[in-house]
Structures are given as C-alpha cells and as structure tokens.
Amino acid sequence: MNLFMKKLLILFSIIFITSSCGIYKYSDARKNPVNANERVQKNMEEGKGFRLGNLGGKKGGDFMFSSANPMWRASLDKLSFAPLSVVDYGGGVIITDWFSEEGTSEEIKLTVRFLTNEIRSDAIKIIIHKRNCTSYNNCKITSIDNSTNNEIKFAILKKAASLQKIDLAKTKEKNSDVKLPKEF
C-alpha cells in the first residue's frame, strides 16, 4: 500500500507541475501573430515574459555621465587640493578625507551634496566639519557654518558656469560644421 501511495503522489505532482506551467493551456492560433518579432512585442505589451536588456543593440540608457556635468567637474576641480574619501556621482555626494595644514592640530572635512544638476545657488550644499584632537583618542568634531561654506559654493558655481559656457561654445562650433541643405 505504501508503494501505491508514493506512485499516486508522484503522479499528482507531475500533473500539477505540468498543468501550472501552461503546457495544456488552450491558445487560439487566430489571435497569436505568426511572425516571431510580432509575437514577442505582443507578449511584452501584455506583460508576459521578460527581456535580458538590449543584448545586441547599441542604444544605451538616458543618463548624464559625470564627465558631462559641469557642476560635478567644477566641484572636483575646486576640491583637488584635498584628498577625496567618497566620490559618488550616483548618490550626488563628494566627501573629502580629513586634512590640515602642517603643524596644526585642527583638521577639516568637506562634504558637497548635489541637490540638482542645474547651475544655481541652491543646487549644492557645502558642509564643513572641523576636528580638533588634543590626544590620539580625544577628538572633538564640530560643524562649521560660516562664510567659508558660501565662498566654496560660489567658487564651484562660478567654475561650473565657466565650464558650461565652454561646453556650449564647443557644441555650437561642432554643430556649425554641419551643412544644411538649401531647403532649410
């Protein structure tokens, strides 16, 4: 009896698995396109199946790389004097490592947060932290909010505006080489 129950259980399992896969699902040939590309398109529109991306295509995503963003380039240029700890274009943040002038016990850390890619005064936020260590384990960290924050912000914005102006001039020069037909 035990052997009979095992065979019956296996039989029901096979029937259940194959029927849930859609092997025995009725399909009307008149409603399904004959062309494979049309069939794929129809399935995608209905939400059936999946795609592994554009494997053979040359079309990429629609996003801006850091080398094309004048705010990002300007920030890296203006912070080039400090060692960088975190540089995350996707997260929109640049954080320097602690740095100081020789012979001082105060160290500074800068954080630049990008709020938008546009060049405007509220596009970035500059945060400055100061660390003062009296001994190896005895350090006091404070946040600085004074005119230095705004000076760094406006230096970055000024540089970004300059870079954007250069980029626009290059684009205009590149596009002026293209000759349009007389009809235009």
Protein backbone atom coordinates (compact mmCIF):
# COMPACT_ATOMS: atom_id res chain seq x y z
CA MET A 1 0.00 0.00 0.00
CA ASN A 2 2.85 2.33 0.77
CA LEU A 3 4.33 1.91 -2.72
CA PHE A 4 0.93 2.65 -4.28
CA MET A 5 0.62 5.91 -2.29
CA LYS A 6 4.10 7.02 -3.37
CA LYS A 7 3.31 6.40 -7.04
CA LEU A 8 0.00 8.21 -6.70
CA LEU A 9 1.70 11.19 -5.04
CA ILE A 10 4.33 11.34 -7.79
CA LEU A 11 1.63 11.15 -10.47
CA PHE A 12 -0.38 14.02 -8.92
CA SER A 13 2.81 16.07 -8.53
CA ILE A 14 3.70 15.65 -12.20
CA ILE A 15 0.17 16.56 -13.27
CA PHE A 16 0.13 19.61 -11.01
CA ILE A 17 3.56 20.85 -12.14
CA THR A 18 2.91 20.41 -15.85
CA SER A 19 -0.55 21.96 -15.75
CA SER A 20 0.67 25.02 -13.85
CA CYS A 21 3.36 25.62 -16.49
CA GLY A 22 0.72 26.20 -19.12
CA ILE A 23 1.60 23.22 -21.30
CA TYR A 24 -2.04 22.29 -21.66
CA LYS A 25 -3.31 25.85 -21.89
CA TYR A 26 -5.70 26.46 -24.79
CA SER A 27 -4.43 29.01 -27.30
CA ASP A 28 -6.29 30.32 -30.33
CA ALA A 29 -3.92 30.47 -33.33
CA ARG A 30 -6.01 33.24 -34.92
CA LYS A 31 -5.23 35.60 -32.04
CA ASN A 32 -1.47 34.97 -32.00
CA PRO A 33 0.81 36.60 -34.58
CA VAL A 34 2.75 34.27 -36.86
CA ASN A 35 5.85 36.47 -37.00
CA ALA A 36 8.17 35.88 -34.03
CA ASN A 37 9.00 39.58 -33.57
CA GLU A 38 5.31 40.50 -33.52
CA ARG A 39 4.65 37.70 -31.02
CA VAL A 40 7.42 38.97 -28.76
CA GLN A 41 6.07 42.52 -29.00
CA LYS A 42 2.54 41.33 -28.14
CA ASN A 43 3.81 39.36 -25.15
CA MET A 44 5.80 42.36 -23.91
CA GLU A 45 2.73 44.61 -24.21
CA GLU A 46 0.69 42.10 -22.21
CA GLY A 47 3.39 41.82 -19.57
CA LYS A 48 4.27 38.23 -20.36
CA GLY A 49 7.87 37.04 -20.38
CA PHE A 50 10.95 39.09 -19.75
CA ARG A 51 13.91 40.59 -21.57
CA LEU A 52 17.56 40.49 -20.64
CA GLY A 53 18.11 44.02 -21.83
CA ASN A 54 19.17 45.14 -25.25
CA LEU A 55 21.82 42.45 -25.74
CA GLY A 56 22.79 43.15 -29.33
CA GLY A 57 21.66 46.75 -29.58
CA LYS A 58 23.77 49.86 -29.37
CA LYS A 59 21.27 52.08 -27.60
CA GLY A 60 22.26 52.98 -24.05
CA GLY A 61 20.44 54.49 -21.12
CA ASP A 62 19.37 58.09 -20.90
CA PHE A 63 21.55 59.42 -18.12
CA MET A 64 24.24 62.04 -17.80
CA PHE A 65 27.78 60.89 -17.08
CA SER A 66 29.88 62.81 -14.58
CA SER A 67 32.25 63.99 -17.30
CA ALA A 68 29.34 65.81 -18.96
CA ASN A 69 28.09 67.52 -15.78
CA PRO A 70 29.70 70.94 -15.27
CA MET A 71 28.69 71.08 -11.57
CA TRP A 72 30.43 67.78 -10.90
CA ARG A 73 33.57 68.72 -12.85
CA ALA A 74 33.76 72.12 -11.17
CA SER A 75 33.45 70.57 -7.71
CA LEU A 76 36.22 68.07 -8.40
CA ASP A 77 38.40 70.85 -9.80
CA LYS A 78 37.88 73.13 -6.80
CA LEU A 79 38.40 70.29 -4.29
CA SER A 80 41.53 68.99 -6.00
CA PHE A 81 43.69 70.31 -3.13
CA ALA A 82 42.15 67.86 -0.64
CA PRO A 83 42.31 64.05 -0.53
CA LEU A 84 38.93 62.61 -1.50
CA SER A 85 37.32 59.91 0.63
CA VAL A 86 33.94 59.37 -1.07
CA VAL A 87 33.12 60.31 -4.66
CA ASP A 88 29.67 59.02 -5.60
CA TYR A 89 28.16 60.52 -8.74
CA GLY A 90 25.05 58.34 -8.49
CA GLY A 91 24.44 59.42 -4.90
CA GLY A 92 25.36 63.03 -5.62
CA VAL A 93 27.99 63.44 -2.94
CA ILE A 94 31.69 64.23 -2.64
CA ILE A 95 33.38 63.89 0.75
CA THR A 96 37.00 64.74 1.39
CA ASP A 97 39.18 62.96 3.88
CA TRP A 98 40.35 64.82 6.97
CA PHE A 99 43.11 67.26 6.01
CA SER A 100 45.04 70.06 7.67
CA GLU A 101 47.98 72.38 7.26
CA GLU A 102 51.26 71.15 8.66
CA GLY A 103 51.87 71.92 12.31
CA THR A 104 48.22 72.34 13.31
CA SER A 105 46.04 70.05 15.38
CA GLU A 106 42.85 71.09 13.55
CA GLU A 107 41.64 69.04 10.63
CA ILE A 108 38.88 69.88 8.14
CA LYS A 109 36.50 67.65 6.20
CA LEU A 110 34.33 68.96 3.36
CA THR A 111 31.10 67.43 2.09
CA VAL A 112 29.46 68.56 -1.16
CA ARG A 113 25.88 67.40 -1.69
CA PHE A 114 24.35 67.85 -5.14
CA LEU A 115 20.67 68.74 -4.96
CA THR A 116 20.24 69.27 -8.71
CA ASN A 117 22.37 69.27 -11.87
CA GLU A 118 21.36 72.83 -12.73
CA ILE A 119 23.79 75.65 -12.07
CA ARG A 120 22.03 77.75 -9.46
CA SER A 121 22.66 78.85 -5.88
CA ASP A 122 20.51 76.15 -4.27
CA ALA A 123 21.97 73.35 -6.41
CA ILE A 124 24.64 72.27 -3.93
CA LYS A 125 25.11 72.23 -0.19
CA ILE A 126 28.55 72.55 1.39
CA ILE A 127 29.08 71.08 4.85
CA ILE A 128 32.33 71.66 6.70
CA HIS A 129 33.41 69.73 9.79
CA LYS A 130 36.35 70.62 11.99
CA ARG A 131 38.14 68.06 14.14
CA ASN A 132 40.37 69.23 16.98
CA CYS A 133 42.42 66.50 18.66
CA THR A 134 44.24 67.05 21.93
CA SER A 135 45.44 63.45 22.06
CA TYR A 136 45.10 60.30 19.95
CA ASN A 137 41.67 59.28 21.29
CA ASN A 138 40.43 62.67 22.45
CA CYS A 139 38.98 64.48 19.44
CA LYS A 140 36.16 66.99 19.23
CA ILE A 141 34.26 67.32 15.96
CA THR A 142 32.15 70.39 15.25
CA SER A 143 30.18 71.58 12.25
CA ILE A 144 31.21 74.92 10.79
CA ASP A 145 28.57 77.15 9.25
CA ASN A 146 30.09 80.46 8.27
CA SER A 147 31.02 82.45 5.16
CA THR A 148 33.55 79.79 4.11
CA ASN A 149 30.69 77.48 3.13
CA ASN A 150 29.28 80.13 0.79
CA GLU A 151 32.72 81.02 -0.59
CA ILE A 152 33.32 77.40 -1.59
CA LYS A 153 29.79 77.11 -3.01
CA PHE A 154 30.13 80.24 -5.15
CA ALA A 155 33.62 79.25 -6.33
CA ILE A 156 32.17 75.93 -7.54
CA LEU A 157 29.16 77.66 -9.16
CA LYS A 158 31.42 80.19 -10.90
CA LYS A 159 33.66 77.42 -12.25
CA ALA A 160 30.60 75.37 -13.34
CA ALA A 161 29.17 78.36 -15.23
CA SER A 162 32.51 78.82 -16.95
CA LEU A 163 32.69 75.13 -17.89
CA GLN A 164 29.13 75.19 -19.19
CA LYS A 165 29.91 78.24 -21.33
CA ILE A 166 32.95 76.44 -22.81
CA ASP A 167 30.86 73.30 -23.43
CA LEU A 168 28.15 75.32 -25.21
CA ALA A 169 30.75 77.04 -27.39
CA LYS A 170 32.26 73.67 -28.33
CA THR A 171 28.82 72.25 -29.14
CA LYS A 172 27.97 75.30 -31.24
CA GLU A 173 31.28 75.05 -33.09
CA LYS A 174 30.79 71.32 -33.67
CA ASN A 175 27.25 71.83 -34.97
CA SER A 176 28.27 74.73 -37.24
CA ASP A 177 30.38 72.29 -39.25
CA VAL A 178 27.22 70.50 -40.33
CA LYS A 179 25.98 72.00 -43.60
CA LEU A 180 22.21 72.02 -44.04
CA PRO A 181 20.60 71.75 -47.45
CA LYS A 182 19.33 74.99 -49.03
CA GLU A 183 15.74 73.92 -48.35
CA PHE A 184 16.19 74.58 -44.64
